[in-house]
Amino acid sequence: MMEQSVLERFAALEQERMDLEGRLRQVKDQLAELEPAVIDQMQNLGVDSCRVGNRTLRLETSVYCSV
């Protein structure tokens, strides 16, 4: 039979994973909410990329063709 500590550790890690996935969903939702304003602001500034902190934000255009 497994040690209880192994089961407890597994359960704790599983809970942590679930908590982190929930937090990640929240962050993704916030990013999606802010994205239109970021695009508008960058377009108003006339830039297609800018450095903010340690991140570079870029506007990219995708071209799609369907037949």
PDB file of N, CA and C in Angstrom:
ATOM      1  N   MET A   1       0.838  -1.181   0.000  1.00  0.00           N
ATOM      2  CA  MET A   1       0.000   0.000   0.000  1.00  0.00           C
ATOM      3  C   MET A   1       0.888   1.253   0.000  1.00  0.00           C
ATOM      4  N   MET A   2       0.436   2.309  -0.697  1.00  0.00           N
ATOM      5  CA  MET A   2       1.205   3.541  -0.805  1.00  0.00           C
ATOM      6  C   MET A   2       1.209   4.290   0.519  1.00  0.00           C
ATOM      7  N   GLU A   3       2.275   5.033   0.700  1.00  0.00           N
ATOM      8  CA  GLU A   3       2.329   5.895   1.872  1.00  0.00           C
ATOM      9  C   GLU A   3       1.300   7.004   1.736  1.00  0.00           C
ATOM     10  N   GLN A   4       0.715   7.379   2.833  1.00  0.00           N
ATOM     11  CA  GLN A   4      -0.269   8.463   2.825  1.00  0.00           C
ATOM     12  C   GLN A   4       0.344   9.760   2.313  1.00  0.00           C
ATOM     13  N   SER A   5       1.619  10.002   2.616  1.00  0.00           N
ATOM     14  CA  SER A   5       2.256  11.248   2.206  1.00  0.00           C
ATOM     15  C   SER A   5       2.320  11.370   0.690  1.00  0.00           C
ATOM     16  N   VAL A   6       2.483  10.257  -0.010  1.00  0.00           N
ATOM     17  CA  VAL A   6       2.498  10.269  -1.476  1.00  0.00           C
ATOM     18  C   VAL A   6       1.122  10.655  -1.998  1.00  0.00           C
ATOM     19  N   LEU A   7       0.086  10.102  -1.410  1.00  0.00           N
ATOM     20  CA  LEU A   7      -1.281  10.423  -1.811  1.00  0.00           C
ATOM     21  C   LEU A   7      -1.606  11.883  -1.525  1.00  0.00           C
ATOM     22  N   GLU A   8      -1.184  12.342  -0.352  1.00  0.00           N
ATOM     23  CA  GLU A   8      -1.422  13.742   0.011  1.00  0.00           C
ATOM     24  C   GLU A   8      -0.677  14.686  -0.929  1.00  0.00           C
ATOM     25  N   ARG A   9       0.553  14.343  -1.247  1.00  0.00           N
ATOM     26  CA  ARG A   9       1.352  15.183  -2.153  1.00  0.00           C
ATOM     27  C   ARG A   9       0.704  15.231  -3.534  1.00  0.00           C
ATOM     28  N   PHE A  10       0.266  14.083  -4.029  1.00  0.00           N
ATOM     29  CA  PHE A  10      -0.386  14.026  -5.334  1.00  0.00           C
ATOM     30  C   PHE A  10      -1.660  14.861  -5.334  1.00  0.00           C
ATOM     31  N   ALA A  11      -2.472  14.708  -4.321  1.00  0.00           N
ATOM     32  CA  ALA A  11      -3.727  15.458  -4.215  1.00  0.00           C
ATOM     33  C   ALA A  11      -3.452  16.959  -4.133  1.00  0.00           C
ATOM     34  N   ALA A  12      -2.423  17.341  -3.389  1.00  0.00           N
ATOM     35  CA  ALA A  12      -2.074  18.757  -3.265  1.00  0.00           C
ATOM     36  C   ALA A  12      -1.612  19.315  -4.607  1.00  0.00           C
ATOM     37  N   LEU A  13      -0.807  18.554  -5.325  1.00  0.00           N
ATOM     38  CA  LEU A  13      -0.339  19.000  -6.635  1.00  0.00           C
ATOM     39  C   LEU A  13      -1.484  19.076  -7.637  1.00  0.00           C
ATOM     40  N   GLU A  14      -2.383  18.141  -7.556  1.00  0.00           N
ATOM     41  CA  GLU A  14      -3.557  18.164  -8.445  1.00  0.00           C
ATOM     42  C   GLU A  14      -4.407  19.405  -8.167  1.00  0.00           C
ATOM     43  N   GLN A  15      -4.579  19.739  -6.910  1.00  0.00           N
ATOM     44  CA  GLN A  15      -5.332  20.942  -6.552  1.00  0.00           C
ATOM     45  C   GLN A  15      -4.609  22.190  -7.040  1.00  0.00           C
ATOM     46  N   GLU A  16      -3.296  22.211  -6.888  1.00  0.00           N
ATOM     47  CA  GLU A  16      -2.497  23.354  -7.360  1.00  0.00           C
ATOM     48  C   GLU A  16      -2.632  23.510  -8.874  1.00  0.00           C
ATOM     49  N   ARG A  17      -2.590  22.389  -9.598  1.00  0.00           N
ATOM     50  CA  ARG A  17      -2.758  22.422 -11.050  1.00  0.00           C
ATOM     51  C   ARG A  17      -4.108  23.011 -11.427  1.00  0.00           C
ATOM     52  N   MET A  18      -5.140  22.572 -10.750  1.00  0.00           N
ATOM     53  CA  MET A  18      -6.484  23.076 -11.037  1.00  0.00           C
ATOM     54  C   MET A  18      -6.584  24.569 -10.736  1.00  0.00           C
ATOM     55  N   ASP A  19      -5.982  24.994  -9.628  1.00  0.00           N
ATOM     56  CA  ASP A  19      -5.983  26.413  -9.266  1.00  0.00           C
ATOM     57  C   ASP A  19      -5.242  27.242 -10.315  1.00  0.00           C
ATOM     58  N   LEU A  20      -4.097  26.748 -10.762  1.00  0.00           N
ATOM     59  CA  LEU A  20      -3.308  27.462 -11.761  1.00  0.00           C
ATOM     60  C   LEU A  20      -4.034  27.534 -13.101  1.00  0.00           C
ATOM     61  N   GLU A  21      -4.704  26.449 -13.474  1.00  0.00           N
ATOM     62  CA  GLU A  21      -5.467  26.463 -14.724  1.00  0.00           C
ATOM     63  C   GLU A  21      -6.603  27.480 -14.648  1.00  0.00           C
ATOM     64  N   GLY A  22      -7.229  27.578 -13.492  1.00  0.00           N
ATOM     65  CA  GLY A  22      -8.283  28.574 -13.295  1.00  0.00           C
ATOM     66  C   GLY A  22      -7.730  29.981 -13.395  1.00  0.00           C
ATOM     67  N   ARG A  23      -6.591  30.212 -12.792  1.00  0.00           N
ATOM     68  CA  ARG A  23      -5.949  31.532 -12.856  1.00  0.00           C
ATOM     69  C   ARG A  23      -5.529  31.853 -14.285  1.00  0.00           C
ATOM     70  N   LEU A  24      -5.018  30.855 -15.008  1.00  0.00           N
ATOM     71  CA  LEU A  24      -4.621  31.049 -16.401  1.00  0.00           C
ATOM     72  C   LEU A  24      -5.824  31.437 -17.254  1.00  0.00           C
ATOM     73  N   ARG A  25      -6.959  30.812 -17.021  1.00  0.00           N
ATOM     74  CA  ARG A  25      -8.187  31.176 -17.743  1.00  0.00           C
ATOM     75  C   ARG A  25      -8.550  32.634 -17.486  1.00  0.00           C
ATOM     76  N   GLN A  26      -8.424  33.062 -16.244  1.00  0.00           N
ATOM     77  CA  GLN A  26      -8.727  34.456 -15.894  1.00  0.00           C
ATOM     78  C   GLN A  26      -7.788  35.417 -16.625  1.00  0.00           C
ATOM     79  N   VAL A  27      -6.504  35.088 -16.642  1.00  0.00           N
ATOM     80  CA  VAL A  27      -5.523  35.947 -17.307  1.00  0.00           C
ATOM     81  C   VAL A  27      -5.808  36.009 -18.803  1.00  0.00           C
ATOM     82  N   LYS A  28      -6.109  34.869 -19.408  1.00  0.00           N
ATOM     83  CA  LYS A  28      -6.424  34.840 -20.845  1.00  0.00           C
ATOM     84  C   LYS A  28      -7.662  35.674 -21.141  1.00  0.00           C
ATOM     85  N   ASP A  29      -8.662  35.603 -20.294  1.00  0.00           N
ATOM     86  CA  ASP A  29      -9.875  36.414 -20.471  1.00  0.00           C
ATOM     87  C   ASP A  29      -9.546  37.903 -20.383  1.00  0.00           C
ATOM     88  N   GLN A  30      -8.704  38.283 -19.429  1.00  0.00           N
ATOM     89  CA  GLN A  30      -8.311  39.685 -19.280  1.00  0.00           C
ATOM     90  C   GLN A  30      -7.525  40.167 -20.495  1.00  0.00           C
ATOM     91  N   LEU A  31      -6.630  39.328 -21.003  1.00  0.00           N
ATOM     92  CA  LEU A  31      -5.870  39.688 -22.199  1.00  0.00           C
ATOM     93  C   LEU A  31      -6.802  39.880 -23.392  1.00  0.00           C
ATOM     94  N   ALA A  32      -7.755  38.986 -23.552  1.00  0.00           N
ATOM     95  CA  ALA A  32      -8.705  39.089 -24.662  1.00  0.00           C
ATOM     96  C   ALA A  32      -9.535  40.359 -24.543  1.00  0.00           C
ATOM     97  N   GLU A  33      -9.864  40.729 -23.329  1.00  0.00           N
ATOM     98  CA  GLU A  33     -10.644  41.944 -23.080  1.00  0.00           C
ATOM     99  C   GLU A  33      -9.841  43.196 -23.425  1.00  0.00           C
ATOM    100  N   LEU A  34      -8.547  43.191 -23.128  1.00  0.00           N
ATOM    101  CA  LEU A  34      -7.693  44.351 -23.373  1.00  0.00           C
ATOM    102  C   LEU A  34      -7.198  44.459 -24.812  1.00  0.00           C
ATOM    103  N   GLU A  35      -7.182  43.361 -25.534  1.00  0.00           N
ATOM    104  CA  GLU A  35      -6.578  43.336 -26.869  1.00  0.00           C
ATOM    105  C   GLU A  35      -7.125  44.401 -27.821  1.00  0.00           C
ATOM    106  N   PRO A  36      -8.445  44.603 -27.927  1.00  0.00           N
ATOM    107  CA  PRO A  36      -8.931  45.648 -28.839  1.00  0.00           C
ATOM    108  C   PRO A  36      -8.402  47.042 -28.489  1.00  0.00           C
ATOM    109  N   ALA A  37      -8.318  47.356 -27.202  1.00  0.00           N
ATOM    110  CA  ALA A  37      -7.807  48.661 -26.779  1.00  0.00           C
ATOM    111  C   ALA A  37      -6.318  48.784 -27.095  1.00  0.00           C
ATOM    112  N   VAL A  38      -5.569  47.701 -26.955  1.00  0.00           N
ATOM    113  CA  VAL A  38      -4.143  47.712 -27.276  1.00  0.00           C
ATOM    114  C   VAL A  38      -3.964  47.970 -28.775  1.00  0.00           C
ATOM    115  N   ILE A  39      -4.738  47.279 -29.588  1.00  0.00           N
ATOM    116  CA  ILE A  39      -4.662  47.466 -31.040  1.00  0.00           C
ATOM    117  C   ILE A  39      -5.000  48.904 -31.402  1.00  0.00           C
ATOM    118  N   ASP A  40      -6.082  49.427 -30.837  1.00  0.00           N
ATOM    119  CA  ASP A  40      -6.471  50.816 -31.112  1.00  0.00           C
ATOM    120  C   ASP A  40      -5.364  51.790 -30.719  1.00  0.00           C
ATOM    121  N   GLN A  41      -4.797  51.605 -29.539  1.00  0.00           N
ATOM    122  CA  GLN A  41      -3.773  52.527 -29.068  1.00  0.00           C
ATOM    123  C   GLN A  41      -2.530  52.468 -29.952  1.00  0.00           C
ATOM    124  N   MET A  42      -2.112  51.272 -30.338  1.00  0.00           N
ATOM    125  CA  MET A  42      -0.939  51.152 -31.199  1.00  0.00           C
ATOM    126  C   MET A  42      -1.206  51.765 -32.573  1.00  0.00           C
ATOM    127  N   GLN A  43      -2.409  51.567 -33.096  1.00  0.00           N
ATOM    128  CA  GLN A  43      -2.761  52.170 -34.381  1.00  0.00           C
ATOM    129  C   GLN A  43      -2.787  53.691 -34.267  1.00  0.00           C
ATOM    130  N   ASN A  44      -3.333  54.210 -33.178  1.00  0.00           N
ATOM    131  CA  ASN A  44      -3.378  55.659 -32.968  1.00  0.00           C
ATOM    132  C   ASN A  44      -1.976  56.248 -32.849  1.00  0.00           C
ATOM    133  N   LEU A  45      -1.057  55.487 -32.295  1.00  0.00           N
ATOM    134  CA  LEU A  45       0.333  55.942 -32.171  1.00  0.00           C
ATOM    135  C   LEU A  45       1.098  55.769 -33.483  1.00  0.00           C
ATOM    136  N   GLY A  46       0.511  55.012 -34.403  1.00  0.00           N
ATOM    137  CA  GLY A  46       1.157  54.772 -35.690  1.00  0.00           C
ATOM    138  C   GLY A  46       2.333  53.819 -35.622  1.00  0.00           C
ATOM    139  N   VAL A  47       2.274  52.880 -34.690  1.00  0.00           N
ATOM    140  CA  VAL A  47       3.356  51.897 -34.550  1.00  0.00           C
ATOM    141  C   VAL A  47       2.816  50.495 -34.773  1.00  0.00           C
ATOM    142  N   ASP A  48       3.681  49.632 -35.302  1.00  0.00           N
ATOM    143  CA  ASP A  48       3.270  48.235 -35.434  1.00  0.00           C
ATOM    144  C   ASP A  48       3.989  47.336 -34.428  1.00  0.00           C
ATOM    145  N   SER A  49       4.902  47.948 -33.650  1.00  0.00           N
ATOM    146  CA  SER A  49       5.521  47.223 -32.535  1.00  0.00           C
ATOM    147  C   SER A  49       6.035  48.239 -31.519  1.00  0.00           C
ATOM    148  N   CYS A  50       6.106  47.810 -30.280  1.00  0.00           N
ATOM    149  CA  CYS A  50       6.664  48.652 -29.231  1.00  0.00           C
ATOM    150  C   CYS A  50       7.122  47.765 -28.081  1.00  0.00           C
ATOM    151  N   ARG A  51       8.124  48.251 -27.388  1.00  0.00           N
ATOM    152  CA  ARG A  51       8.668  47.523 -26.232  1.00  0.00           C
ATOM    153  C   ARG A  51       8.013  48.077 -24.973  1.00  0.00           C
ATOM    154  N   VAL A  52       7.442  47.197 -24.169  1.00  0.00           N
ATOM    155  CA  VAL A  52       6.812  47.571 -22.902  1.00  0.00           C
ATOM    156  C   VAL A  52       7.390  46.647 -21.840  1.00  0.00           C
ATOM    157  N   GLY A  53       8.150  47.231 -20.935  1.00  0.00           N
ATOM    158  CA  GLY A  53       8.827  46.394 -19.935  1.00  0.00           C
ATOM    159  C   GLY A  53       9.782  45.457 -20.642  1.00  0.00           C
ATOM    160  N   ASN A  54       9.657  44.181 -20.376  1.00  0.00           N
ATOM    161  CA  ASN A  54      10.515  43.198 -21.029  1.00  0.00           C
ATOM    162  C   ASN A  54       9.805  42.474 -22.174  1.00  0.00           C
ATOM    163  N   ARG A  55       8.693  43.042 -22.646  1.00  0.00           N
ATOM    164  CA  ARG A  55       7.903  42.427 -23.725  1.00  0.00           C
ATOM    165  C   ARG A  55       7.883  43.333 -24.941  1.00  0.00           C
ATOM    166  N   THR A  56       7.862  42.748 -26.111  1.00  0.00           N
ATOM    167  CA  THR A  56       7.657  43.496 -27.343  1.00  0.00           C
ATOM    168  C   THR A  56       6.264  43.139 -27.856  1.00  0.00           C
ATOM    169  N   LEU A  57       5.446  44.167 -28.025  1.00  0.00           N
ATOM    170  CA  LEU A  57       4.092  43.974 -28.553  1.00  0.00           C
ATOM    171  C   LEU A  57       4.138  44.273 -30.042  1.00  0.00           C
ATOM    172  N   ARG A  58       3.519  43.415 -30.853  1.00  0.00           N
ATOM    173  CA  ARG A  58       3.510  43.591 -32.292  1.00  0.00           C
ATOM    174  C   ARG A  58       2.102  43.444 -32.835  1.00  0.00           C
ATOM    175  N   LEU A  59       1.782  44.273 -33.813  1.00  0.00           N
ATOM    176  CA  LEU A  59       0.557  44.095 -34.577  1.00  0.00           C
ATOM    177  C   LEU A  59       0.911  43.270 -35.806  1.00  0.00           C
ATOM    178  N   GLU A  60       0.189  42.220 -36.039  1.00  0.00           N
ATOM    179  CA  GLU A  60       0.444  41.376 -37.199  1.00  0.00           C
ATOM    180  C   GLU A  60      -0.827  41.248 -38.011  1.00  0.00           C
ATOM    181  N   THR A  61      -0.660  41.252 -39.313  1.00  0.00           N
ATOM    182  CA  THR A  61      -1.789  41.075 -40.217  1.00  0.00           C
ATOM    183  C   THR A  61      -1.696  39.676 -40.808  1.00  0.00           C
ATOM    184  N   SER A  62      -2.795  38.968 -40.786  1.00  0.00           N
ATOM    185  CA  SER A  62      -2.844  37.643 -41.387  1.00  0.00           C
ATOM    186  C   SER A  62      -3.712  37.714 -42.635  1.00  0.00           C
ATOM    187  N   VAL A  63      -3.260  37.072 -43.694  1.00  0.00           N
ATOM    188  CA  VAL A  63      -4.016  37.028 -44.935  1.00  0.00           C
ATOM    189  C   VAL A  63      -4.485  35.596 -45.147  1.00  0.00           C
ATOM    190  N   TYR A  64      -5.781  35.459 -45.347  1.00  0.00           N
ATOM    191  CA  TYR A  64      -6.371  34.148 -45.552  1.00  0.00           C
ATOM    192  C   TYR A  64      -7.082  34.110 -46.900  1.00  0.00           C
ATOM    193  N   CYS A  65      -7.053  32.953 -47.513  1.00  0.00           N
ATOM    194  CA  CYS A  65      -7.767  32.769 -48.762  1.00  0.00           C
ATOM    195  C   CYS A  65      -8.541  31.453 -48.648  1.00  0.00           C
ATOM    196  N   SER A  66      -9.787  31.499 -49.004  1.00  0.00           N
ATOM    197  CA  SER A  66     -10.551  30.250 -48.992  1.00  0.00           C
ATOM    198  C   SER A  66     -11.106  30.017 -50.389  1.00  0.00           C
ATOM    199  N   VAL A  67     -11.238  28.785 -50.711  1.00  0.00           N
ATOM    200  CA  VAL A  67     -11.716  28.405 -52.048  1.00  0.00           C
ATOM    201  C   VAL A  67     -13.069  27.747 -51.924  1.00  0.00           C
TER     202      VAL A  67
END
